[in-house]
């Protein structure tokens, strides 16, 4: 199930050796856009490793 705008997520990116948390700002057909606490905008495909968080 894709996230909704405003949902908080955690995105696991093993190729970059990082785990990013953010708030969803846009939902597209196969991916969503989220913004991290420090203002970075990132993209995540629905099929990537991510989960909702508090």
PDB file of N, CA and C in Angstrom:
ATOM      1  N   UNK A   1       0.850  -1.185   0.000  1.00  0.00           N
ATOM      2  CA  UNK A   1       0.000   0.000   0.000  1.00  0.00           C
ATOM      3  C   UNK A   1       0.891   1.243   0.000  1.00  0.00           C
ATOM      4  N   UNK A   2       0.708   2.119  -0.958  1.00  0.00           N
ATOM      5  CA  UNK A   2       1.527   3.337  -0.995  1.00  0.00           C
ATOM      6  C   UNK A   2       1.217   4.252   0.190  1.00  0.00           C
ATOM      7  N   UNK A   3       2.176   5.076   0.566  1.00  0.00           N
ATOM      8  CA  UNK A   3       1.921   6.024   1.650  1.00  0.00           C
ATOM      9  C   UNK A   3       1.037   7.169   1.169  1.00  0.00           C
ATOM     10  N   UNK A   4       0.531   7.931   2.109  1.00  0.00           N
ATOM     11  CA  UNK A   4      -0.273   9.118   1.801  1.00  0.00           C
ATOM     12  C   UNK A   4       0.547  10.364   2.122  1.00  0.00           C
ATOM     13  N   UNK A   5       0.193  11.471   1.514  1.00  0.00           N
ATOM     14  CA  UNK A   5       0.872  12.733   1.799  1.00  0.00           C
ATOM     15  C   UNK A   5       0.752  13.020   3.292  1.00  0.00           C
ATOM     16  N   UNK A   6       1.874  13.374   3.902  1.00  0.00           N
ATOM     17  CA  UNK A   6       1.909  13.661   5.330  1.00  0.00           C
ATOM     18  C   UNK A   6       2.380  12.491   6.176  1.00  0.00           C
ATOM     19  N   UNK A   7       2.378  11.277   5.610  1.00  0.00           N
ATOM     20  CA  UNK A   7       2.860  10.107   6.353  1.00  0.00           C
ATOM     21  C   UNK A   7       4.355  10.228   6.633  1.00  0.00           C
ATOM     22  N   UNK A   8       4.777   9.719   7.769  1.00  0.00           N
ATOM     23  CA  UNK A   8       6.200   9.665   8.102  1.00  0.00           C
ATOM     24  C   UNK A   8       6.714   8.279   7.737  1.00  0.00           C
ATOM     25  N   UNK A   9       7.873   8.240   7.075  1.00  0.00           N
ATOM     26  CA  UNK A   9       8.431   6.965   6.610  1.00  0.00           C
ATOM     27  C   UNK A   9       9.918   6.880   6.956  1.00  0.00           C
ATOM     28  N   UNK A  10      10.421   5.658   6.899  1.00  0.00           N
ATOM     29  CA  UNK A  10      11.864   5.428   6.974  1.00  0.00           C
ATOM     30  C   UNK A  10      12.230   4.667   5.700  1.00  0.00           C
ATOM     31  N   UNK A  11      13.276   5.127   5.027  1.00  0.00           N
ATOM     32  CA  UNK A  11      13.710   4.586   3.733  1.00  0.00           C
ATOM     33  C   UNK A  11      15.101   4.005   3.920  1.00  0.00           C
ATOM     34  N   UNK A  12      15.233   2.709   3.680  1.00  0.00           N
ATOM     35  CA  UNK A  12      16.519   2.025   3.842  1.00  0.00           C
ATOM     36  C   UNK A  12      17.242   1.999   2.494  1.00  0.00           C
ATOM     37  N   UNK A  13      18.456   2.538   2.466  1.00  0.00           N
ATOM     38  CA  UNK A  13      19.236   2.618   1.230  1.00  0.00           C
ATOM     39  C   UNK A  13      20.608   1.974   1.446  1.00  0.00           C
ATOM     40  N   UNK A  14      20.684   0.637   1.343  1.00  0.00           N
ATOM     41  CA  UNK A  14      21.946  -0.056   1.625  1.00  0.00           C
ATOM     42  C   UNK A  14      23.082   0.319   0.671  1.00  0.00           C
ATOM     43  N   UNK A  15      22.758   0.688  -0.568  1.00  0.00           N
ATOM     44  CA  UNK A  15      23.815   1.053  -1.528  1.00  0.00           C
ATOM     45  C   UNK A  15      24.516   2.346  -1.134  1.00  0.00           C
ATOM     46  N   UNK A  16      23.806   3.203  -0.395  1.00  0.00           N
ATOM     47  CA  UNK A  16      24.395   4.452   0.093  1.00  0.00           C
ATOM     48  C   UNK A  16      24.773   4.345   1.565  1.00  0.00           C
ATOM     49  N   UNK A  17      24.557   3.151   2.150  1.00  0.00           N
ATOM     50  CA  UNK A  17      24.833   2.906   3.562  1.00  0.00           C
ATOM     51  C   UNK A  17      24.142   3.939   4.446  1.00  0.00           C
ATOM     52  N   UNK A  18      22.833   4.142   4.186  1.00  0.00           N
ATOM     53  CA  UNK A  18      22.087   5.104   4.993  1.00  0.00           C
ATOM     54  C   UNK A  18      20.639   4.661   5.181  1.00  0.00           C
ATOM     55  N   UNK A  19      20.047   5.258   6.186  1.00  0.00           N
ATOM     56  CA  UNK A  19      18.647   5.056   6.537  1.00  0.00           C
ATOM     57  C   UNK A  19      18.077   6.460   6.722  1.00  0.00           C
ATOM     58  N   UNK A  20      17.109   6.839   5.901  1.00  0.00           N
ATOM     59  CA  UNK A  20      16.579   8.201   5.928  1.00  0.00           C
ATOM     60  C   UNK A  20      15.142   8.204   6.426  1.00  0.00           C
ATOM     61  N   UNK A  21      14.832   9.184   7.264  1.00  0.00           N
ATOM     62  CA  UNK A  21      13.462   9.373   7.731  1.00  0.00           C
ATOM     63  C   UNK A  21      12.941  10.672   7.142  1.00  0.00           C
ATOM     64  N   UNK A  22      11.647  10.695   6.860  1.00  0.00           N
ATOM     65  CA  UNK A  22      11.079  11.913   6.307  1.00  0.00           C
ATOM     66  C   UNK A  22       9.571  11.863   6.253  1.00  0.00           C
ATOM     67  N   UNK A  23       9.005  12.955   5.728  1.00  0.00           N
ATOM     68  CA  UNK A  23       7.561  13.089   5.594  1.00  0.00           C
ATOM     69  C   UNK A  23       7.221  13.123   4.107  1.00  0.00           C
ATOM     70  N   UNK A  24       6.228  12.333   3.708  1.00  0.00           N
ATOM     71  CA  UNK A  24       5.821  12.239   2.307  1.00  0.00           C
ATOM     72  C   UNK A  24       5.179  13.557   1.872  1.00  0.00           C
ATOM     73  N   UNK A  25       5.675  14.102   0.743  1.00  0.00           N
ATOM     74  CA  UNK A  25       5.151  15.375   0.233  1.00  0.00           C
ATOM     75  C   UNK A  25       4.450  15.222  -1.116  1.00  0.00           C
ATOM     76  N   UNK A  26       4.670  14.095  -1.805  1.00  0.00           N
ATOM     77  CA  UNK A  26       4.016  13.865  -3.095  1.00  0.00           C
ATOM     78  C   UNK A  26       3.986  12.368  -3.378  1.00  0.00           C
ATOM     79  N   UNK A  27       2.888  11.906  -3.963  1.00  0.00           N
ATOM     80  CA  UNK A  27       2.757  10.498  -4.343  1.00  0.00           C
ATOM     81  C   UNK A  27       2.545  10.447  -5.855  1.00  0.00           C
ATOM     82  N   UNK A  28       3.413   9.709  -6.543  1.00  0.00           N
ATOM     83  CA  UNK A  28       3.347   9.570  -7.997  1.00  0.00           C
ATOM     84  C   UNK A  28       2.869   8.161  -8.353  1.00  0.00           C
ATOM     85  N   UNK A  29       2.919   7.783  -9.620  1.00  0.00           N
ATOM     86  CA  UNK A  29       2.361   6.493 -10.034  1.00  0.00           C
ATOM     87  C   UNK A  29       3.136   5.285  -9.519  1.00  0.00           C
ATOM     88  N   UNK A  30       4.464   5.377  -9.429  1.00  0.00           N
ATOM     89  CA  UNK A  30       5.249   4.228  -8.971  1.00  0.00           C
ATOM     90  C   UNK A  30       6.253   4.583  -7.882  1.00  0.00           C
ATOM     91  N   UNK A  31       6.199   5.813  -7.406  1.00  0.00           N
ATOM     92  CA  UNK A  31       7.132   6.254  -6.370  1.00  0.00           C
ATOM     93  C   UNK A  31       6.515   7.399  -5.578  1.00  0.00           C
ATOM     94  N   UNK A  32       7.194   7.752  -4.489  1.00  0.00           N
ATOM     95  CA  UNK A  32       6.762   8.911  -3.722  1.00  0.00           C
ATOM     96  C   UNK A  32       7.972   9.781  -3.419  1.00  0.00           C
ATOM     97  N   UNK A  33       7.687  11.019  -3.074  1.00  0.00           N
ATOM     98  CA  UNK A  33       8.715  11.999  -2.752  1.00  0.00           C
ATOM     99  C   UNK A  33       8.573  12.316  -1.274  1.00  0.00           C
ATOM    100  N   UNK A  34       9.702  12.346  -0.563  1.00  0.00           N
ATOM    101  CA  UNK A  34       9.657  12.704   0.847  1.00  0.00           C
ATOM    102  C   UNK A  34      10.737  13.723   1.154  1.00  0.00           C
ATOM    103  N   UNK A  35      10.515  14.455   2.232  1.00  0.00           N
ATOM    104  CA  UNK A  35      11.461  15.483   2.658  1.00  0.00           C
ATOM    105  C   UNK A  35      12.013  15.103   4.021  1.00  0.00           C
ATOM    106  N   UNK A  36      13.347  15.150   4.132  1.00  0.00           N
ATOM    107  CA  UNK A  36      13.997  14.814   5.394  1.00  0.00           C
ATOM    108  C   UNK A  36      13.932  16.006   6.345  1.00  0.00           C
ATOM    109  N   UNK A  37      14.260  15.763   7.602  1.00  0.00           N
ATOM    110  CA  UNK A  37      14.220  16.806   8.622  1.00  0.00           C
ATOM    111  C   UNK A  37      15.122  17.992   8.272  1.00  0.00           C
ATOM    112  N   UNK A  38      16.264  17.707   7.605  1.00  0.00           N
ATOM    113  CA  UNK A  38      17.191  18.793   7.256  1.00  0.00           C
ATOM    114  C   UNK A  38      16.888  19.413   5.886  1.00  0.00           C
ATOM    115  N   UNK A  39      15.703  19.102   5.322  1.00  0.00           N
ATOM    116  CA  UNK A  39      15.247  19.774   4.114  1.00  0.00           C
ATOM    117  C   UNK A  39      15.606  19.127   2.791  1.00  0.00           C
ATOM    118  N   UNK A  40      16.222  17.951   2.817  1.00  0.00           N
ATOM    119  CA  UNK A  40      16.551  17.274   1.560  1.00  0.00           C
ATOM    120  C   UNK A  40      15.300  16.616   0.982  1.00  0.00           C
ATOM    121  N   UNK A  41      15.178  16.663  -0.332  1.00  0.00           N
ATOM    122  CA  UNK A  41      14.078  16.007  -1.031  1.00  0.00           C
ATOM    123  C   UNK A  41      14.602  14.715  -1.632  1.00  0.00           C
ATOM    124  N   UNK A  42      13.913  13.610  -1.351  1.00  0.00           N
ATOM    125  CA  UNK A  42      14.353  12.303  -1.842  1.00  0.00           C
ATOM    126  C   UNK A  42      13.169  11.569  -2.462  1.00  0.00           C
ATOM    127  N   UNK A  43      13.504  10.652  -3.364  1.00  0.00           N
ATOM    128  CA  UNK A  43      12.505   9.832  -4.042  1.00  0.00           C
ATOM    129  C   UNK A  43      12.646   8.386  -3.585  1.00  0.00           C
ATOM    130  N   UNK A  44      11.527   7.679  -3.535  1.00  0.00           N
ATOM    131  CA  UNK A  44      11.538   6.268  -3.154  1.00  0.00           C
ATOM    132  C   UNK A  44      10.503   5.526  -4.001  1.00  0.00           C
ATOM    133  N   UNK A  45      10.955   4.480  -4.682  1.00  0.00           N
ATOM    134  CA  UNK A  45      10.022   3.629  -5.425  1.00  0.00           C
ATOM    135  C   UNK A  45       9.207   2.801  -4.435  1.00  0.00           C
ATOM    136  N   UNK A  46       7.958   2.523  -4.781  1.00  0.00           N
ATOM    137  CA  UNK A  46       7.118   1.709  -3.901  1.00  0.00           C
ATOM    138  C   UNK A  46       7.764   0.357  -3.624  1.00  0.00           C
ATOM    139  N   UNK A  47       8.511  -0.195  -4.602  1.00  0.00           N
ATOM    140  CA  UNK A  47       9.109  -1.522  -4.443  1.00  0.00           C
ATOM    141  C   UNK A  47      10.407  -1.505  -3.640  1.00  0.00           C
ATOM    142  N   UNK A  48      10.908  -0.321  -3.283  1.00  0.00           N
ATOM    143  CA  UNK A  48      12.126  -0.240  -2.477  1.00  0.00           C
ATOM    144  C   UNK A  48      11.824  -0.582  -1.020  1.00  0.00           C
ATOM    145  N   UNK A  49      12.876  -0.651  -0.225  1.00  0.00           N
ATOM    146  CA  UNK A  49      12.760  -1.007   1.188  1.00  0.00           C
ATOM    147  C   UNK A  49      12.430   0.237   2.012  1.00  0.00           C
ATOM    148  N   UNK A  50      11.176   0.359   2.431  1.00  0.00           N
ATOM    149  CA  UNK A  50      10.731   1.481   3.250  1.00  0.00           C
ATOM    150  C   UNK A  50       9.594   0.996   4.143  1.00  0.00           C
ATOM    151  N   UNK A  51       9.363   1.729   5.223  1.00  0.00           N
ATOM    152  CA  UNK A  51       8.290   1.397   6.162  1.00  0.00           C
ATOM    153  C   UNK A  51       7.715   2.668   6.756  1.00  0.00           C
ATOM    154  N   UNK A  52       6.442   2.628   7.163  1.00  0.00           N
ATOM    155  CA  UNK A  52       5.887   3.750   7.921  1.00  0.00           C
ATOM    156  C   UNK A  52       6.566   3.821   9.285  1.00  0.00           C
ATOM    157  N   UNK A  53       6.617   5.001   9.868  1.00  0.00           N
ATOM    158  CA  UNK A  53       7.220   5.172  11.187  1.00  0.00           C
ATOM    159  C   UNK A  53       6.437   6.219  11.969  1.00  0.00           C
ATOM    160  N   UNK A  54       6.741   6.349  13.238  1.00  0.00           N
ATOM    161  CA  UNK A  54       6.070   7.341  14.097  1.00  0.00           C
ATOM    162  C   UNK A  54       6.721   8.688  13.980  1.00  0.00           C
TER     163      UNK A  54
END
